[in-house]
Amino acid sequence: MDDLFYIPAKESRVEIKVKGSRFIGGIFYVDSVETAASAIEKIKKKEYSASHNCYAYRVGFKNQPDFKYSDDGEPSGTAGKPIYDVISGKNLVNCLAVVTRYFGGTKLGTGGLVRAYSETASKAIEASGIKEHYLVDRIKIETAFSFYNQILRAADSFFARQINSDFSDIVIVEYEVRKSLKEIYVSTIVEITDGKAKIEEA
């Protein structure tokens, strides 16, 4: 199972100038279409005097993420699609890129606009950086305390992250583990505890 995906490492802001026009690029992490729309509206209000606020986003971890792009008044295909092509070319998801333009008095032509918007988006992604993430499942384990140290070692081996823990007469722990590793991780816990652990998806 392919559970690896890429997201922006952090928000970024860059600016370039092309023949007097200012292009301001920003990269943002968004986890839903609604979050993306809200972020776009905030930028439009902040940059209300700009000539154009063009954008593109990809949201979701499916094979076909939700996406949208906008030229915001620039000639069709010269802004939003080039920005989107930069995002998708880096295989980024949960990513919003906005490029704001303040017109400098000189028309750039179709090719010039495509290059300017693409370059700004590319530089913004470079400034943001790209981070690996994984789709995970959450596993709840109930077992005797005598198995706890072995369970900890297994978690380290599978890069599982402990979310919750409860210690009483028994140990109850919850871990997040990569989807692609879940089955073998669960099998390992069964082996460690001689089949005595109660294991379920949390």
Protein backbone atom coordinates (compact mmCIF):
# COMPACT_ATOMS: atom_id res chain seq x y z
CA MET A 1 0.00 0.00 0.00
CA ASP A 2 1.29 3.43 -0.90
CA ASP A 3 0.73 5.44 2.28
CA LEU A 4 3.35 8.12 1.65
CA PHE A 5 2.36 11.68 0.78
CA TYR A 6 4.01 15.11 0.75
CA ILE A 7 2.88 18.35 2.35
CA PRO A 8 4.38 21.83 2.79
CA ALA A 9 6.88 21.87 5.64
CA LYS A 10 5.87 25.38 6.68
CA GLU A 11 4.17 28.52 5.42
CA SER A 12 6.28 30.72 3.20
CA ARG A 13 6.24 34.08 1.47
CA VAL A 14 8.46 35.19 -1.40
CA GLU A 15 8.47 38.14 -3.77
CA ILE A 16 9.91 38.63 -7.25
CA LYS A 17 9.72 41.52 -9.69
CA VAL A 18 9.21 41.18 -13.44
CA LYS A 19 9.25 44.35 -15.56
CA GLY A 20 7.90 46.43 -12.73
CA SER A 21 5.18 44.01 -11.60
CA ARG A 22 5.45 42.54 -8.10
CA PHE A 23 4.60 38.87 -7.69
CA ILE A 24 4.13 37.74 -4.09
CA GLY A 25 3.91 33.97 -3.58
CA GLY A 26 2.64 32.20 -0.50
CA ILE A 27 2.42 28.50 0.42
CA PHE A 28 -0.04 27.30 3.06
CA TYR A 29 -0.97 23.95 4.60
CA VAL A 30 -4.73 23.31 4.23
CA ASP A 31 -6.52 20.13 5.27
CA SER A 32 -9.86 20.70 3.52
CA VAL A 33 -11.46 22.56 0.64
CA GLU A 34 -13.19 24.77 3.21
CA THR A 35 -9.89 25.66 4.88
CA ALA A 36 -8.41 26.53 1.49
CA ALA A 37 -11.37 28.75 0.60
CA SER A 38 -11.13 30.55 3.93
CA ALA A 39 -7.39 31.15 3.50
CA ILE A 40 -7.93 32.52 0.00
CA GLU A 41 -10.55 34.98 1.25
CA LYS A 42 -8.21 36.20 4.00
CA ILE A 43 -5.45 36.82 1.48
CA LYS A 44 -7.82 38.67 -0.85
CA LYS A 45 -8.86 40.94 2.01
CA LYS A 46 -5.24 41.51 3.02
CA GLU A 47 -4.11 42.17 -0.57
CA TYR A 48 -7.30 44.00 -1.55
CA SER A 49 -5.44 46.56 -3.67
CA ALA A 50 -3.62 43.93 -5.75
CA SER A 51 -4.32 43.53 -9.45
CA HIS A 52 -4.80 39.76 -9.11
CA ASN A 53 -4.80 37.06 -6.42
CA CYS A 54 -4.31 33.84 -8.37
CA TYR A 55 -4.20 30.47 -6.65
CA ALA A 56 -4.23 26.71 -6.83
CA TYR A 57 -4.72 23.98 -4.25
CA ARG A 58 -4.70 20.18 -3.92
CA VAL A 59 -6.40 18.63 -0.90
CA GLY A 60 -6.71 15.00 0.19
CA PHE A 61 -4.71 11.79 0.09
CA LYS A 62 -6.69 9.83 -2.48
CA ASN A 63 -5.31 8.96 -5.90
CA GLN A 64 -7.25 11.97 -7.20
CA PRO A 65 -7.11 14.80 -4.64
CA ASP A 66 -9.65 17.62 -4.75
CA PHE A 67 -8.18 20.59 -6.56
CA LYS A 68 -9.04 24.02 -7.89
CA TYR A 69 -7.18 26.89 -9.53
CA SER A 70 -8.06 30.42 -10.55
CA ASP A 71 -6.59 33.04 -12.92
CA ASP A 72 -8.49 35.80 -11.03
CA GLY A 73 -8.79 38.00 -14.10
CA GLU A 74 -5.51 37.16 -15.80
CA PRO A 75 -5.78 35.71 -19.34
CA SER A 76 -7.13 32.16 -19.22
CA GLY A 77 -4.48 29.55 -18.47
CA THR A 78 -1.69 32.00 -17.62
CA ALA A 79 -1.80 31.92 -13.80
CA GLY A 80 -3.90 29.35 -11.93
CA LYS A 81 -2.99 26.34 -14.08
CA PRO A 82 0.77 27.10 -14.07
CA ILE A 83 0.62 27.43 -10.26
CA TYR A 84 -1.27 24.13 -10.04
CA ASP A 85 1.26 22.44 -12.32
CA VAL A 86 4.05 23.43 -9.94
CA ILE A 87 2.18 21.97 -6.93
CA SER A 88 1.23 18.73 -8.69
CA GLY A 89 4.70 18.42 -10.20
CA LYS A 90 6.07 18.24 -6.65
CA ASN A 91 3.33 15.74 -5.75
CA LEU A 92 2.17 18.01 -2.93
CA VAL A 93 -1.21 17.59 -1.27
CA ASN A 94 -2.96 19.63 1.42
CA CYS A 95 -1.21 22.57 -0.20
CA LEU A 96 -2.50 26.00 -1.21
CA ALA A 97 -0.36 28.32 -3.32
CA VAL A 98 -1.41 31.93 -3.82
CA VAL A 99 0.43 34.34 -6.11
CA THR A 100 -0.56 37.99 -5.76
CA ARG A 101 0.32 40.40 -8.55
CA TYR A 102 0.66 44.16 -8.35
CA PHE A 103 0.70 45.39 -11.94
CA GLY A 104 3.77 47.45 -12.80
CA GLY A 105 2.56 49.08 -16.00
CA THR A 106 4.17 46.75 -18.53
CA LYS A 107 2.23 43.87 -20.06
CA LEU A 108 4.12 40.58 -19.93
CA GLY A 109 2.28 38.64 -22.62
CA THR A 110 0.94 35.12 -22.26
CA GLY A 111 4.33 33.41 -22.05
CA GLY A 112 5.69 36.02 -19.66
CA LEU A 113 2.76 35.59 -17.30
CA VAL A 114 3.07 31.80 -17.27
CA ARG A 115 6.79 32.06 -16.46
CA ALA A 116 6.25 34.68 -13.76
CA TYR A 117 3.50 32.77 -11.96
CA SER A 118 5.34 29.45 -12.26
CA GLU A 119 8.60 30.93 -10.98
CA THR A 120 6.92 32.61 -8.03
CA ALA A 121 5.11 29.42 -7.02
CA SER A 122 8.33 27.40 -7.39
CA LYS A 123 10.31 29.81 -5.22
CA ALA A 124 7.56 29.78 -2.60
CA ILE A 125 7.70 25.98 -2.43
CA GLU A 126 11.49 26.10 -2.16
CA ALA A 127 11.11 28.50 0.78
CA SER A 128 8.47 26.29 2.39
CA GLY A 129 10.22 22.98 1.95
CA ILE A 130 8.52 19.62 1.54
CA LYS A 131 7.77 17.17 4.33
CA GLU A 132 6.96 13.47 4.15
CA HIS A 133 3.82 12.24 5.91
CA TYR A 134 2.08 8.90 6.07
CA LEU A 135 -1.46 7.66 6.28
CA VAL A 136 -1.82 5.94 9.64
CA ASP A 137 -4.15 3.64 11.55
CA ARG A 138 -4.69 3.84 15.28
CA ILE A 139 -4.33 0.58 17.22
CA LYS A 140 -5.48 -0.03 20.80
CA ILE A 141 -3.69 -2.73 22.78
CA GLU A 142 -4.79 -4.18 26.12
CA THR A 143 -2.34 -6.55 27.77
CA ALA A 144 -0.55 -7.55 30.95
CA PHE A 145 2.09 -5.17 32.28
CA SER A 146 4.76 -7.87 31.87
CA PHE A 147 4.64 -7.35 28.08
CA TYR A 148 4.89 -3.56 28.19
CA ASN A 149 8.65 -3.18 27.60
CA GLN A 150 8.51 -5.54 24.61
CA ILE A 151 5.58 -3.56 23.20
CA LEU A 152 7.61 -0.37 23.56
CA ARG A 153 10.51 -1.90 21.64
CA ALA A 154 8.14 -3.11 18.91
CA ALA A 155 6.67 0.38 18.62
CA ASP A 156 10.14 1.83 18.11
CA SER A 157 10.91 -0.78 15.45
CA PHE A 158 7.76 0.12 13.49
CA PHE A 159 8.05 3.87 14.10
CA ALA A 160 4.67 3.74 15.83
CA ARG A 161 3.68 6.80 17.85
CA GLN A 162 2.05 6.38 21.26
CA ILE A 163 -1.14 8.44 21.57
CA ASN A 164 -2.67 7.34 24.87
CA SER A 165 -1.77 5.10 27.77
CA ASP A 166 -3.54 3.82 30.88
CA PHE A 167 -1.93 1.72 33.59
CA SER A 168 -4.01 -0.15 36.14
CA ASP A 169 -4.29 -3.91 36.56
CA ILE A 170 -3.55 -4.11 32.84
CA VAL A 171 -1.86 -1.87 30.31
CA ILE A 172 -3.96 -0.06 27.71
CA VAL A 173 -2.00 1.81 25.03
CA GLU A 174 -2.90 3.36 21.71
CA TYR A 175 -0.46 3.75 18.84
CA GLU A 176 -0.53 5.33 15.43
CA VAL A 177 1.22 3.16 12.85
CA ARG A 178 1.67 3.48 9.10
CA LYS A 179 -1.11 1.76 7.16
CA SER A 180 1.40 -0.24 5.16
CA LEU A 181 2.93 -1.60 8.37
CA LYS A 182 -0.24 -2.23 10.37
CA GLU A 183 -0.72 -5.92 9.60
CA ILE A 184 2.83 -6.96 10.40
CA TYR A 185 2.82 -4.67 13.46
CA VAL A 186 -0.32 -6.36 14.81
CA SER A 187 1.16 -9.80 14.08
CA THR A 188 4.27 -8.83 16.03
CA ILE A 189 2.19 -7.77 19.05
CA VAL A 190 0.27 -11.05 18.90
CA GLU A 191 3.56 -12.95 18.89
CA ILE A 192 5.06 -10.89 21.72
CA THR A 193 2.04 -11.44 23.97
CA ASP A 194 1.48 -15.09 23.02
CA GLY A 195 -1.91 -14.11 21.63
CA LYS A 196 -3.09 -12.84 25.02
CA ALA A 197 -3.37 -9.16 24.06
CA LYS A 198 -6.66 -7.62 23.04
CA ILE A 199 -5.97 -5.64 19.86
CA GLU A 200 -8.47 -3.46 18.03
CA GLU A 201 -8.59 -0.39 15.83
CA ALA A 202 -9.13 2.72 17.95
